[in-house]
Amino acid sequence: MSKAMFRDVTWAGGLFCLCCVLAGCSSVTGTYADATGTFGLDVQSGGKATLRFMGESAPCTYTSTSKTITLTCAGQPAGETFTINSDGSLAPPPDTLIPVLKKTN
């Protein structure tokens, strides 16, 4: 997998977590994934997260507001901001290949 693709996936995962937090989920912590399970995001308490893509993983940090989550992963100079949808799913930035992520637990 190319570094650029992994970076995009990492950002999208982080943003997904932020979006879920801002959408009013009972807890931002948990596991998020796309419908195929190719992309995943594990959000932990304390601002820590792990972005997963096709068996690879990257450590990340996140911050959130009521409507967004910003994910910053290892090796990335800036964070990716996900929008938290009304159903709690995380919509990635429009310029990434990451699909919408839904909470699985």
PDB file of N, CA and C in Angstrom:
ATOM      1  N   MET A   1       0.855  -1.167   0.000  1.00  0.00           N
ATOM      2  CA  MET A   1       0.000   0.000   0.000  1.00  0.00           C
ATOM      3  C   MET A   1       0.900   1.229   0.000  1.00  0.00           C
ATOM      4  N   SER A   2       0.527   2.230  -0.786  1.00  0.00           N
ATOM      5  CA  SER A   2       1.345   3.434  -0.852  1.00  0.00           C
ATOM      6  C   SER A   2       1.173   4.275   0.403  1.00  0.00           C
ATOM      7  N   LYS A   3       2.192   5.084   0.692  1.00  0.00           N
ATOM      8  CA  LYS A   3       2.135   5.935   1.880  1.00  0.00           C
ATOM      9  C   LYS A   3       1.002   6.941   1.777  1.00  0.00           C
ATOM     10  N   ALA A   4       0.772   7.476   0.564  1.00  0.00           N
ATOM     11  CA  ALA A   4      -0.304   8.459   0.380  1.00  0.00           C
ATOM     12  C   ALA A   4      -1.668   7.839   0.661  1.00  0.00           C
ATOM     13  N   MET A   5      -1.876   6.622   0.199  1.00  0.00           N
ATOM     14  CA  MET A   5      -3.168   5.962   0.409  1.00  0.00           C
ATOM     15  C   MET A   5      -3.367   5.656   1.886  1.00  0.00           C
ATOM     16  N   PHE A   6      -2.310   5.163   2.544  1.00  0.00           N
ATOM     17  CA  PHE A   6      -2.407   4.865   3.970  1.00  0.00           C
ATOM     18  C   PHE A   6      -2.680   6.143   4.749  1.00  0.00           C
ATOM     19  N   ARG A   7      -2.040   7.259   4.344  1.00  0.00           N
ATOM     20  CA  ARG A   7      -2.252   8.542   5.005  1.00  0.00           C
ATOM     21  C   ARG A   7      -3.714   8.951   4.883  1.00  0.00           C
ATOM     22  N   ASP A   8      -4.283   8.829   3.669  1.00  0.00           N
ATOM     23  CA  ASP A   8      -5.676   9.197   3.457  1.00  0.00           C
ATOM     24  C   ASP A   8      -6.604   8.347   4.312  1.00  0.00           C
ATOM     25  N   VAL A   9      -6.310   7.092   4.402  1.00  0.00           N
ATOM     26  CA  VAL A   9      -7.129   6.177   5.198  1.00  0.00           C
ATOM     27  C   VAL A   9      -7.021   6.529   6.672  1.00  0.00           C
ATOM     28  N   THR A  10      -5.812   6.852   7.102  1.00  0.00           N
ATOM     29  CA  THR A  10      -5.590   7.204   8.495  1.00  0.00           C
ATOM     30  C   THR A  10      -6.357   8.457   8.857  1.00  0.00           C
ATOM     31  N   TRP A  11      -6.292   9.456   8.030  1.00  0.00           N
ATOM     32  CA  TRP A  11      -7.022  10.701   8.279  1.00  0.00           C
ATOM     33  C   TRP A  11      -8.520  10.457   8.327  1.00  0.00           C
ATOM     34  N   ALA A  12      -9.003   9.686   7.395  1.00  0.00           N
ATOM     35  CA  ALA A  12     -10.431   9.421   7.336  1.00  0.00           C
ATOM     36  C   ALA A  12     -10.915   8.714   8.595  1.00  0.00           C
ATOM     37  N   GLY A  13     -10.160   7.765   9.064  1.00  0.00           N
ATOM     38  CA  GLY A  13     -10.521   7.046  10.283  1.00  0.00           C
ATOM     39  C   GLY A  13     -10.597   7.963  11.474  1.00  0.00           C
ATOM     40  N   GLY A  14      -9.625   8.827  11.599  1.00  0.00           N
ATOM     41  CA  GLY A  14      -9.620   9.784  12.699  1.00  0.00           C
ATOM     42  C   GLY A  14     -10.804  10.720  12.628  1.00  0.00           C
ATOM     43  N   LEU A  15     -11.085  11.183  11.452  1.00  0.00           N
ATOM     44  CA  LEU A  15     -12.216  12.075  11.274  1.00  0.00           C
ATOM     45  C   LEU A  15     -13.526  11.365  11.584  1.00  0.00           C
ATOM     46  N   PHE A  16     -13.575  10.117  11.255  1.00  0.00           N
ATOM     47  CA  PHE A  16     -14.775   9.336  11.553  1.00  0.00           C
ATOM     48  C   PHE A  16     -15.068   9.331  13.035  1.00  0.00           C
ATOM     49  N   CYS A  17     -14.051   9.122  13.834  1.00  0.00           N
ATOM     50  CA  CYS A  17     -14.218   9.107  15.284  1.00  0.00           C
ATOM     51  C   CYS A  17     -14.693  10.450  15.789  1.00  0.00           C
ATOM     52  N   LEU A  18     -14.099  11.492  15.297  1.00  0.00           N
ATOM     53  CA  LEU A  18     -14.488  12.833  15.709  1.00  0.00           C
ATOM     54  C   LEU A  18     -15.947  13.085  15.364  1.00  0.00           C
ATOM     55  N   CYS A  19     -16.349  12.689  14.179  1.00  0.00           N
ATOM     56  CA  CYS A  19     -17.734  12.892  13.751  1.00  0.00           C
ATOM     57  C   CYS A  19     -18.711  12.163  14.667  1.00  0.00           C
ATOM     58  N   CYS A  20     -18.386  10.977  15.054  1.00  0.00           N
ATOM     59  CA  CYS A  20     -19.275  10.209  15.911  1.00  0.00           C
ATOM     60  C   CYS A  20     -19.417  10.877  17.269  1.00  0.00           C
ATOM     61  N   VAL A  21     -18.357  11.438  17.772  1.00  0.00           N
ATOM     62  CA  VAL A  21     -18.391  12.133  19.054  1.00  0.00           C
ATOM     63  C   VAL A  21     -19.274  13.354  18.952  1.00  0.00           C
ATOM     64  N   LEU A  22     -19.096  14.106  17.927  1.00  0.00           N
ATOM     65  CA  LEU A  22     -19.844  15.339  17.747  1.00  0.00           C
ATOM     66  C   LEU A  22     -21.306  15.107  17.425  1.00  0.00           C
ATOM     67  N   ALA A  23     -21.632  13.956  16.897  1.00  0.00           N
ATOM     68  CA  ALA A  23     -23.015  13.659  16.547  1.00  0.00           C
ATOM     69  C   ALA A  23     -23.857  13.277  17.761  1.00  0.00           C
ATOM     70  N   GLY A  24     -23.258  13.259  18.898  1.00  0.00           N
ATOM     71  CA  GLY A  24     -24.017  12.970  20.105  1.00  0.00           C
ATOM     72  C   GLY A  24     -24.076  11.510  20.477  1.00  0.00           C
ATOM     73  N   CYS A  25     -23.126  10.741  20.025  1.00  0.00           N
ATOM     74  CA  CYS A  25     -23.082   9.334  20.432  1.00  0.00           C
ATOM     75  C   CYS A  25     -22.914   9.278  21.951  1.00  0.00           C
ATOM     76  N   SER A  26     -23.404   8.229  22.546  1.00  0.00           N
ATOM     77  CA  SER A  26     -23.296   8.119  23.995  1.00  0.00           C
ATOM     78  C   SER A  26     -21.840   8.141  24.424  1.00  0.00           C
ATOM     79  N   SER A  27     -20.973   7.622  23.601  1.00  0.00           N
ATOM     80  CA  SER A  27     -19.547   7.637  23.889  1.00  0.00           C
ATOM     81  C   SER A  27     -18.805   7.615  22.568  1.00  0.00           C
ATOM     82  N   VAL A  28     -17.773   8.426  22.462  1.00  0.00           N
ATOM     83  CA  VAL A  28     -16.979   8.439  21.239  1.00  0.00           C
ATOM     84  C   VAL A  28     -16.091   7.217  21.147  1.00  0.00           C
ATOM     85  N   THR A  29     -15.795   6.617  22.266  1.00  0.00           N
ATOM     86  CA  THR A  29     -14.930   5.448  22.235  1.00  0.00           C
ATOM     87  C   THR A  29     -15.658   4.272  21.600  1.00  0.00           C
ATOM     88  N   GLY A  30     -14.910   3.471  20.889  1.00  0.00           N
ATOM     89  CA  GLY A  30     -15.494   2.319  20.233  1.00  0.00           C
ATOM     90  C   GLY A  30     -14.800   2.030  18.925  1.00  0.00           C
ATOM     91  N   THR A  31     -15.386   1.114  18.174  1.00  0.00           N
ATOM     92  CA  THR A  31     -14.834   0.700  16.900  1.00  0.00           C
ATOM     93  C   THR A  31     -15.767   1.114  15.784  1.00  0.00           C
ATOM     94  N   TYR A  32     -15.182   1.660  14.725  1.00  0.00           N
ATOM     95  CA  TYR A  32     -15.923   2.121  13.558  1.00  0.00           C
ATOM     96  C   TYR A  32     -15.365   1.426  12.322  1.00  0.00           C
ATOM     97  N   ALA A  33     -16.223   1.179  11.323  1.00  0.00           N
ATOM     98  CA  ALA A  33     -15.760   0.512  10.102  1.00  0.00           C
ATOM     99  C   ALA A  33     -16.672   0.868   8.943  1.00  0.00           C
ATOM    100  N   ASP A  34     -16.135   0.680   7.734  1.00  0.00           N
ATOM    101  CA  ASP A  34     -16.975   0.832   6.558  1.00  0.00           C
ATOM    102  C   ASP A  34     -17.746  -0.470   6.359  1.00  0.00           C
ATOM    103  N   ALA A  35     -18.629  -0.505   5.368  1.00  0.00           N
ATOM    104  CA  ALA A  35     -19.497  -1.670   5.166  1.00  0.00           C
ATOM    105  C   ALA A  35     -18.718  -2.939   4.840  1.00  0.00           C
ATOM    106  N   THR A  36     -17.550  -2.825   4.226  1.00  0.00           N
ATOM    107  CA  THR A  36     -16.777  -4.000   3.838  1.00  0.00           C
ATOM    108  C   THR A  36     -15.746  -4.414   4.879  1.00  0.00           C
ATOM    109  N   GLY A  37     -15.485  -3.553   5.858  1.00  0.00           N
ATOM    110  CA  GLY A  37     -14.476  -3.831   6.865  1.00  0.00           C
ATOM    111  C   GLY A  37     -13.056  -3.508   6.419  1.00  0.00           C
ATOM    112  N   THR A  38     -12.910  -2.893   5.257  1.00  0.00           N
ATOM    113  CA  THR A  38     -11.594  -2.535   4.733  1.00  0.00           C
ATOM    114  C   THR A  38     -10.968  -1.430   5.566  1.00  0.00           C
ATOM    115  N   PHE A  39     -11.771  -0.452   5.937  1.00  0.00           N
ATOM    116  CA  PHE A  39     -11.317   0.663   6.760  1.00  0.00           C
ATOM    117  C   PHE A  39     -11.893   0.504   8.157  1.00  0.00           C
ATOM    118  N   GLY A  40     -11.091   0.810   9.171  1.00  0.00           N
ATOM    119  CA  GLY A  40     -11.570   0.742  10.539  1.00  0.00           C
ATOM    120  C   GLY A  40     -10.906   1.801  11.396  1.00  0.00           C
ATOM    121  N   LEU A  41     -11.586   2.177  12.455  1.00  0.00           N
ATOM    122  CA  LEU A  41     -11.059   3.163  13.377  1.00  0.00           C
ATOM    123  C   LEU A  41     -11.431   2.738  14.789  1.00  0.00           C
ATOM    124  N   ASP A  42     -10.411   2.590  15.631  1.00  0.00           N
ATOM    125  CA  ASP A  42     -10.623   2.255  17.035  1.00  0.00           C
ATOM    126  C   ASP A  42     -10.351   3.511  17.848  1.00  0.00           C
ATOM    127  N   VAL A  43     -11.371   4.020  18.516  1.00  0.00           N
ATOM    128  CA  VAL A  43     -11.254   5.255  19.288  1.00  0.00           C
ATOM    129  C   VAL A  43     -11.219   4.914  20.770  1.00  0.00           C
ATOM    130  N   GLN A  44     -10.191   5.392  21.427  1.00  0.00           N
ATOM    131  CA  GLN A  44     -10.004   5.116  22.841  1.00  0.00           C
ATOM    132  C   GLN A  44     -10.145   6.406  23.636  1.00  0.00           C
ATOM    133  N   SER A  45     -10.352   6.269  24.925  1.00  0.00           N
ATOM    134  CA  SER A  45     -10.421   7.455  25.772  1.00  0.00           C
ATOM    135  C   SER A  45      -9.054   8.110  25.821  1.00  0.00           C
ATOM    136  N   GLY A  46      -9.002   9.366  26.197  1.00  0.00           N
ATOM    137  CA  GLY A  46      -7.738  10.075  26.310  1.00  0.00           C
ATOM    138  C   GLY A  46      -7.212  10.629  25.003  1.00  0.00           C
ATOM    139  N   GLY A  47      -8.046  10.680  23.961  1.00  0.00           N
ATOM    140  CA  GLY A  47      -7.624  11.261  22.691  1.00  0.00           C
ATOM    141  C   GLY A  47      -6.770  10.360  21.824  1.00  0.00           C
ATOM    142  N   LYS A  48      -6.772   9.056  22.107  1.00  0.00           N
ATOM    143  CA  LYS A  48      -5.980   8.117  21.316  1.00  0.00           C
ATOM    144  C   LYS A  48      -6.880   7.309  20.389  1.00  0.00           C
ATOM    145  N   ALA A  49      -6.335   6.987  19.209  1.00  0.00           N
ATOM    146  CA  ALA A  49      -7.089   6.204  18.233  1.00  0.00           C
ATOM    147  C   ALA A  49      -6.117   5.390  17.381  1.00  0.00           C
ATOM    148  N   THR A  50      -6.649   4.385  16.706  1.00  0.00           N
ATOM    149  CA  THR A  50      -5.871   3.589  15.770  1.00  0.00           C
ATOM    150  C   THR A  50      -6.668   3.469  14.483  1.00  0.00           C
ATOM    151  N   LEU A  51      -6.055   3.868  13.373  1.00  0.00           N
ATOM    152  CA  LEU A  51      -6.681   3.765  12.064  1.00  0.00           C
ATOM    153  C   LEU A  51      -6.199   2.481  11.410  1.00  0.00           C
ATOM    154  N   ARG A  52      -7.135   1.699  10.849  1.00  0.00           N
ATOM    155  CA  ARG A  52      -6.799   0.442  10.199  1.00  0.00           C
ATOM    156  C   ARG A  52      -7.228   0.471   8.735  1.00  0.00           C
ATOM    157  N   PHE A  53      -6.372  -0.091   7.862  1.00  0.00           N
ATOM    158  CA  PHE A  53      -6.693  -0.208   6.447  1.00  0.00           C
ATOM    159  C   PHE A  53      -6.016  -1.450   5.886  1.00  0.00           C
ATOM    160  N   MET A  54      -6.824  -2.397   5.435  1.00  0.00           N
ATOM    161  CA  MET A  54      -6.327  -3.617   4.811  1.00  0.00           C
ATOM    162  C   MET A  54      -5.220  -4.295   5.619  1.00  0.00           C
ATOM    163  N   GLY A  55      -5.434  -4.460   6.899  1.00  0.00           N
ATOM    164  CA  GLY A  55      -4.495  -5.163   7.748  1.00  0.00           C
ATOM    165  C   GLY A  55      -3.363  -4.318   8.314  1.00  0.00           C
ATOM    166  N   GLU A  56      -3.218  -3.095   7.857  1.00  0.00           N
ATOM    167  CA  GLU A  56      -2.204  -2.175   8.374  1.00  0.00           C
ATOM    168  C   GLU A  56      -2.864  -1.276   9.413  1.00  0.00           C
ATOM    169  N   SER A  57      -2.082  -0.794  10.368  1.00  0.00           N
ATOM    170  CA  SER A  57      -2.644   0.122  11.365  1.00  0.00           C
ATOM    171  C   SER A  57      -1.666   1.246  11.652  1.00  0.00           C
ATOM    172  N   ALA A  58      -2.208   2.373  12.086  1.00  0.00           N
ATOM    173  CA  ALA A  58      -1.389   3.538  12.411  1.00  0.00           C
ATOM    174  C   ALA A  58      -1.907   4.159  13.704  1.00  0.00           C
ATOM    175  N   PRO A  59      -1.004   4.513  14.617  1.00  0.00           N
ATOM    176  CA  PRO A  59      -1.420   5.198  15.847  1.00  0.00           C
ATOM    177  C   PRO A  59      -1.814   6.639  15.528  1.00  0.00           C
ATOM    178  N   CYS A  60      -2.860   7.120  16.185  1.00  0.00           N
ATOM    179  CA  CYS A  60      -3.377   8.462  15.925  1.00  0.00           C
ATOM    180  C   CYS A  60      -3.798   9.129  17.230  1.00  0.00           C
ATOM    181  N   THR A  61      -4.041  10.417  17.133  1.00  0.00           N
ATOM    182  CA  THR A  61      -4.679  11.177  18.203  1.00  0.00           C
ATOM    183  C   THR A  61      -5.889  11.861  17.581  1.00  0.00           C
ATOM    184  N   TYR A  62      -6.840  12.267  18.429  1.00  0.00           N
ATOM    185  CA  TYR A  62      -8.008  12.967  17.906  1.00  0.00           C
ATOM    186  C   TYR A  62      -8.472  14.056  18.864  1.00  0.00           C
ATOM    187  N   THR A  63      -9.149  15.017  18.282  1.00  0.00           N
ATOM    188  CA  THR A  63      -9.876  16.040  19.029  1.00  0.00           C
ATOM    189  C   THR A  63     -11.259  16.112  18.407  1.00  0.00           C
ATOM    190  N   SER A  64     -12.219  16.601  19.176  1.00  0.00           N
ATOM    191  CA  SER A  64     -13.567  16.667  18.628  1.00  0.00           C
ATOM    192  C   SER A  64     -14.304  17.912  19.090  1.00  0.00           C
ATOM    193  N   THR A  65     -15.311  18.252  18.291  1.00  0.00           N
ATOM    194  CA  THR A  65     -16.263  19.299  18.642  1.00  0.00           C
ATOM    195  C   THR A  65     -17.637  18.650  18.556  1.00  0.00           C
ATOM    196  N   SER A  66     -18.675  19.435  18.623  1.00  0.00           N
ATOM    197  CA  SER A  66     -20.018  18.853  18.577  1.00  0.00           C
ATOM    198  C   SER A  66     -20.383  18.306  17.204  1.00  0.00           C
ATOM    199  N   LYS A  67     -19.674  18.734  16.132  1.00  0.00           N
ATOM    200  CA  LYS A  67     -20.042  18.290  14.790  1.00  0.00           C
ATOM    201  C   LYS A  67     -18.897  17.704  13.981  1.00  0.00           C
ATOM    202  N   THR A  68     -17.704  17.678  14.546  1.00  0.00           N
ATOM    203  CA  THR A  68     -16.562  17.146  13.797  1.00  0.00           C
ATOM    204  C   THR A  68     -15.609  16.392  14.707  1.00  0.00           C
ATOM    205  N   ILE A  69     -14.780  15.579  14.069  1.00  0.00           N
ATOM    206  CA  ILE A  69     -13.684  14.927  14.762  1.00  0.00           C
ATOM    207  C   ILE A  69     -12.456  15.079  13.863  1.00  0.00           C
ATOM    208  N   THR A  70     -11.358  15.484  14.456  1.00  0.00           N
ATOM    209  CA  THR A  70     -10.126  15.666  13.697  1.00  0.00           C
ATOM    210  C   THR A  70      -9.119  14.621  14.142  1.00  0.00           C
ATOM    211  N   LEU A  71      -8.656  13.843  13.178  1.00  0.00           N
ATOM    212  CA  LEU A  71      -7.748  12.744  13.438  1.00  0.00           C
ATOM    213  C   LEU A  71      -6.370  13.090  12.885  1.00  0.00           C
ATOM    214  N   THR A  72      -5.359  12.927  13.723  1.00  0.00           N
ATOM    215  CA  THR A  72      -3.980  13.135  13.299  1.00  0.00           C
ATOM    216  C   THR A  72      -3.217  11.842  13.564  1.00  0.00           C
ATOM    217  N   CYS A  73      -2.644  11.284  12.507  1.00  0.00           N
ATOM    218  CA  CYS A  73      -1.957   9.999  12.623  1.00  0.00           C
ATOM    219  C   CYS A  73      -0.460  10.165  12.419  1.00  0.00           C
ATOM    220  N   ALA A  74       0.280   9.174  12.894  1.00  0.00           N
ATOM    221  CA  ALA A  74       1.736   9.193  12.810  1.00  0.00           C
ATOM    222  C   ALA A  74       2.182   9.447  11.372  1.00  0.00           C
ATOM    223  N   GLY A  75       3.118  10.379  11.226  1.00  0.00           N
ATOM    224  CA  GLY A  75       3.667  10.692   9.924  1.00  0.00           C
ATOM    225  C   GLY A  75       2.890  11.712   9.128  1.00  0.00           C
ATOM    226  N   GLN A  76       1.815  12.230   9.675  1.00  0.00           N
ATOM    227  CA  GLN A  76       1.010  13.219   8.965  1.00  0.00           C
ATOM    228  C   GLN A  76       1.227  14.598   9.572  1.00  0.00           C
ATOM    229  N   PRO A  77       1.456  15.603   8.739  1.00  0.00           N
ATOM    230  CA  PRO A  77       1.713  16.940   9.250  1.00  0.00           C
ATOM    231  C   PRO A  77       0.474  17.645   9.800  1.00  0.00           C
ATOM    232  N   ALA A  78      -0.703  17.267   9.328  1.00  0.00           N
ATOM    233  CA  ALA A  78      -1.936  17.926   9.770  1.00  0.00           C
ATOM    234  C   ALA A  78      -3.044  16.882   9.902  1.00  0.00           C
ATOM    235  N   GLY A  79      -4.096  17.243  10.627  1.00  0.00           N
ATOM    236  CA  GLY A  79      -5.207  16.322  10.839  1.00  0.00           C
ATOM    237  C   GLY A  79      -6.231  16.350   9.723  1.00  0.00           C
ATOM    238  N   GLU A  80      -7.029  15.302   9.669  1.00  0.00           N
ATOM    239  CA  GLU A  80      -8.158  15.203   8.743  1.00  0.00           C
ATOM    240  C   GLU A  80      -9.425  15.359   9.551  1.00  0.00           C
ATOM    241  N   THR A  81     -10.339  16.165   9.060  1.00  0.00           N
ATOM    242  CA  THR A  81     -11.578  16.432   9.787  1.00  0.00           C
ATOM    243  C   THR A  81     -12.749  15.683   9.177  1.00  0.00           C
ATOM    244  N   PHE A  82     -13.393  14.877  10.004  1.00  0.00           N
ATOM    245  CA  PHE A  82     -14.586  14.131   9.613  1.00  0.00           C
ATOM    246  C   PHE A  82     -15.808  14.860  10.167  1.00  0.00           C
ATOM    247  N   THR A  83     -16.899  14.760   9.436  1.00  0.00           N
ATOM    248  CA  THR A  83     -18.168  15.335   9.880  1.00  0.00           C
ATOM    249  C   THR A  83     -18.987  14.240  10.549  1.00  0.00           C
ATOM    250  N   ILE A  84     -19.544  14.558  11.690  1.00  0.00           N
ATOM    251  CA  ILE A  84     -20.404  13.597  12.392  1.00  0.00           C
ATOM    252  C   ILE A  84     -21.826  13.748  11.863  1.00  0.00           C
ATOM    253  N   ASN A  85     -22.318  12.705  11.238  1.00  0.00           N
ATOM    254  CA  ASN A  85     -23.677  12.718  10.689  1.00  0.00           C
ATOM    255  C   ASN A  85     -24.703  12.536  11.804  1.00  0.00           C
ATOM    256  N   SER A  86     -25.957  12.839  11.504  1.00  0.00           N
ATOM    257  CA  SER A  86     -27.020  12.746  12.507  1.00  0.00           C
ATOM    258  C   SER A  86     -27.194  11.323  13.040  1.00  0.00           C
ATOM    259  N   ASP A  87     -26.832  10.305  12.259  1.00  0.00           N
ATOM    260  CA  ASP A  87     -26.945   8.915  12.713  1.00  0.00           C
ATOM    261  C   ASP A  87     -25.697   8.433  13.463  1.00  0.00           C
ATOM    262  N   GLY A  88     -24.723   9.333  13.675  1.00  0.00           N
ATOM    263  CA  GLY A  88     -23.510   8.985  14.397  1.00  0.00           C
ATOM    264  C   GLY A  88     -22.382   8.468  13.520  1.00  0.00           C
ATOM    265  N   SER A  89     -22.651   8.286  12.231  1.00  0.00           N
ATOM    266  CA  SER A  89     -21.595   7.848  11.328  1.00  0.00           C
ATOM    267  C   SER A  89     -20.644   9.005  11.044  1.00  0.00           C
ATOM    268  N   LEU A  90     -19.453   8.674  10.564  1.00  0.00           N
ATOM    269  CA  LEU A  90     -18.448   9.683  10.283  1.00  0.00           C
ATOM    270  C   LEU A  90     -18.243   9.810   8.781  1.00  0.00           C
ATOM    271  N   ALA A  91     -18.459  11.021   8.275  1.00  0.00           N
ATOM    272  CA  ALA A  91     -18.254  11.298   6.853  1.00  0.00           C
ATOM    273  C   ALA A  91     -16.854  11.867   6.665  1.00  0.00           C
ATOM    274  N   PRO A  92     -16.061  11.246   5.810  1.00  0.00           N
ATOM    275  CA  PRO A  92     -14.687  11.701   5.600  1.00  0.00           C
ATOM    276  C   PRO A  92     -14.646  12.990   4.788  1.00  0.00           C
ATOM    277  N   PRO A  93     -13.478  13.630   4.746  1.00  0.00           N
ATOM    278  CA  PRO A  93     -13.332  14.807   3.890  1.00  0.00           C
ATOM    279  C   PRO A  93     -13.582  14.395   2.439  1.00  0.00           C
ATOM    280  N   PRO A  94     -14.080  15.300   1.608  1.00  0.00           N
ATOM    281  CA  PRO A  94     -14.422  14.945   0.230  1.00  0.00           C
ATOM    282  C   PRO A  94     -13.224  14.542  -0.633  1.00  0.00           C
ATOM    283  N   ASP A  95     -12.020  14.906  -0.268  1.00  0.00           N
ATOM    284  CA  ASP A  95     -10.852  14.628  -1.104  1.00  0.00           C
ATOM    285  C   ASP A  95     -10.110  13.350  -0.715  1.00  0.00           C
ATOM    286  N   THR A  96     -10.757  12.448   0.010  1.00  0.00           N
ATOM    287  CA  THR A  96     -10.112  11.195   0.397  1.00  0.00           C
ATOM    288  C   THR A  96     -10.855  10.007  -0.207  1.00  0.00           C
ATOM    289  N   LEU A  97     -10.243   8.864  -0.163  1.00  0.00           N
ATOM    290  CA  LEU A  97     -10.849   7.626  -0.665  1.00  0.00           C
ATOM    291  C   LEU A  97     -11.575   6.868   0.436  1.00  0.00           C
ATOM    292  N   ILE A  98     -11.608   7.426   1.616  1.00  0.00           N
ATOM    293  CA  ILE A  98     -12.222   6.742   2.760  1.00  0.00           C
ATOM    294  C   ILE A  98     -13.745   6.855   2.686  1.00  0.00           C
ATOM    295  N   PRO A  99     -14.443   5.732   2.862  1.00  0.00           N
ATOM    296  CA  PRO A  99     -15.909   5.754   2.865  1.00  0.00           C
ATOM    297  C   PRO A  99     -16.452   6.181   4.229  1.00  0.00           C
ATOM    298  N   VAL A 100     -17.751   6.355   4.316  1.00  0.00           N
ATOM    299  CA  VAL A 100     -18.406   6.659   5.585  1.00  0.00           C
ATOM    300  C   VAL A 100     -18.166   5.504   6.543  1.00  0.00           C
ATOM    301  N   LEU A 101     -17.864   5.834   7.795  1.00  0.00           N
ATOM    302  CA  LEU A 101     -17.583   4.837   8.821  1.00  0.00           C
ATOM    303  C   LEU A 101     -18.720   4.826   9.846  1.00  0.00           C
ATOM    304  N   LYS A 102     -19.176   3.637  10.193  1.00  0.00           N
ATOM    305  CA  LYS A 102     -20.261   3.491  11.171  1.00  0.00           C
ATOM    306  C   LYS A 102     -19.753   2.754  12.392  1.00  0.00           C
ATOM    307  N   LYS A 103     -20.299   3.120  13.548  1.00  0.00           N
ATOM    308  CA  LYS A 103     -19.894   2.499  14.799  1.00  0.00           C
ATOM    309  C   LYS A 103     -20.374   1.054  14.837  1.00  0.00           C
ATOM    310  N   THR A 104     -19.458   0.162  15.188  1.00  0.00           N
ATOM    311  CA  THR A 104     -19.802  -1.258  15.246  1.00  0.00           C
ATOM    312  C   THR A 104     -19.984  -1.756  16.669  1.00  0.00           C
ATOM    313  N   ASN A 105     -19.503  -0.979  17.665  1.00  0.00           N
ATOM    314  CA  ASN A 105     -19.716  -1.354  19.075  1.00  0.00           C
ATOM    315  C   ASN A 105     -19.602  -0.157  19.958  1.00  0.00           C
TER     316      ASN A 105
END
